[in-house]
Protein backbone atom coordinates (compact mmCIF):
# COMPACT_ATOMS: atom_id res chain seq x y z
CA MET A 1 44.60 33.84 36.38
CA ALA A 2 41.56 35.58 38.45
CA LYS A 3 39.49 37.12 36.25
CA LYS A 4 38.61 40.61 36.77
CA ARG A 5 35.34 41.85 38.23
CA ASN A 6 34.01 45.03 36.28
CA HIS A 7 31.96 47.13 38.84
CA GLN A 8 29.42 49.16 38.26
CA ARG A 9 28.31 51.75 40.63
CA PRO A 10 24.76 52.90 40.41
CA GLU A 11 24.48 56.64 39.24
CA SER A 12 22.93 58.72 42.07
CA LYS A 13 20.08 60.74 40.51
CA PRO A 14 20.37 64.57 41.33
CA LYS A 15 17.73 65.78 43.88
CA ASP A 16 14.88 67.84 42.19
CA ASP A 17 14.74 71.05 44.64
CA GLY A 18 11.10 72.08 43.57
CA ALA A 19 9.77 67.44 44.56
CA LEU A 20 7.30 66.98 47.25
CA LEU A 21 8.55 64.99 50.16
CA LEU A 22 6.23 62.74 51.73
CA ALA A 23 5.89 64.90 54.44
CA ASP A 24 4.31 67.43 52.88
CA ALA A 25 2.16 65.34 51.08
CA LEU A 26 0.73 64.06 54.22
CA GLY A 27 -0.19 66.76 56.48
CA GLU A 28 1.00 67.96 59.70
CA ASP A 29 -1.58 65.71 61.61
CA VAL A 30 -1.29 62.47 60.08
CA LEU A 31 2.57 63.06 60.28
CA SER A 32 2.26 63.22 64.08
CA LYS A 33 -0.12 60.32 64.41
CA LEU A 34 2.49 58.55 62.59
CA LYS A 35 4.99 59.67 64.79
CA ILE A 36 3.38 58.83 68.12
CA ALA A 37 2.43 55.41 66.65
CA LYS A 38 6.41 54.68 66.14
CA GLU A 39 7.21 55.74 69.66
CA GLU A 40 4.16 53.57 70.96
CA LEU A 41 5.73 50.49 69.04
CA THR A 42 9.35 51.19 70.12
CA GLN A 43 7.92 51.14 73.59
CA VAL A 44 6.29 47.94 73.23
CA GLU A 45 9.33 46.28 71.44
CA ALA A 46 11.55 47.38 74.23
CA LYS A 47 8.95 45.70 76.88
CA ALA A 48 8.75 42.64 74.66
CA GLU A 49 12.59 42.53 74.65
CA GLU A 50 13.00 42.76 78.51
CA ALA A 51 10.05 40.37 79.11
CA ARG A 52 12.00 37.66 76.84
CA LYS A 53 15.45 38.99 78.63
CA GLU A 54 13.67 38.16 81.88
CA LEU A 55 11.95 34.87 81.13
CA ALA A 56 15.33 33.26 79.69
CA ILE A 57 16.88 34.32 83.06
CA LYS A 58 14.30 32.69 84.85
CA GLU A 59 14.39 29.55 82.70
CA LYS A 60 18.17 29.42 83.48
CA LYS A 61 17.78 29.89 87.06
CA GLU A 62 15.05 26.70 86.85
CA ARG A 63 17.82 24.66 84.92
CA GLU A 64 20.57 25.49 87.45
CA ALA A 65 18.22 24.61 90.03
CA ASN A 66 16.87 21.16 88.73
CA LYS A 67 20.87 19.94 88.11
CA SER A 68 20.88 16.25 89.01
CA PHE A 69 24.10 15.26 90.84
CA ALA A 70 25.67 13.55 88.18
CA GLU A 71 25.11 16.68 86.33
CA LEU A 72 26.81 18.90 88.89
CA LEU A 73 29.88 16.55 89.38
CA ASP A 74 30.41 16.59 85.63
CA GLU A 75 30.66 20.32 85.66
CA TYR A 76 32.97 20.10 88.49
CA GLU A 77 35.17 17.60 87.47
CA GLY A 78 35.62 19.58 84.03
CA LYS A 79 36.32 22.95 85.97
CA THR A 80 39.30 21.07 88.12
CA ARG A 81 40.77 19.38 84.77
CA ASN A 82 42.21 22.40 83.99
CA TYR A 83 44.47 22.37 87.38
């Protein structure tokens, strides 16, 4: 027999309308600086990801160009076996 699992859901606390938000406590100038920093970080990450993709493509092309005759023959024979 399988044991029944007792799943307990955490109770959500009601939001207090009078509570200060982090954005309110920081101020407009600090908040705007954080937003600018976030945008710059996302741009840097996007450029890094694009550079990684380009490097991977370049390495793949180099591997294809440097294949030996035996590797090319094995690859070709593997494709023709399906026919």
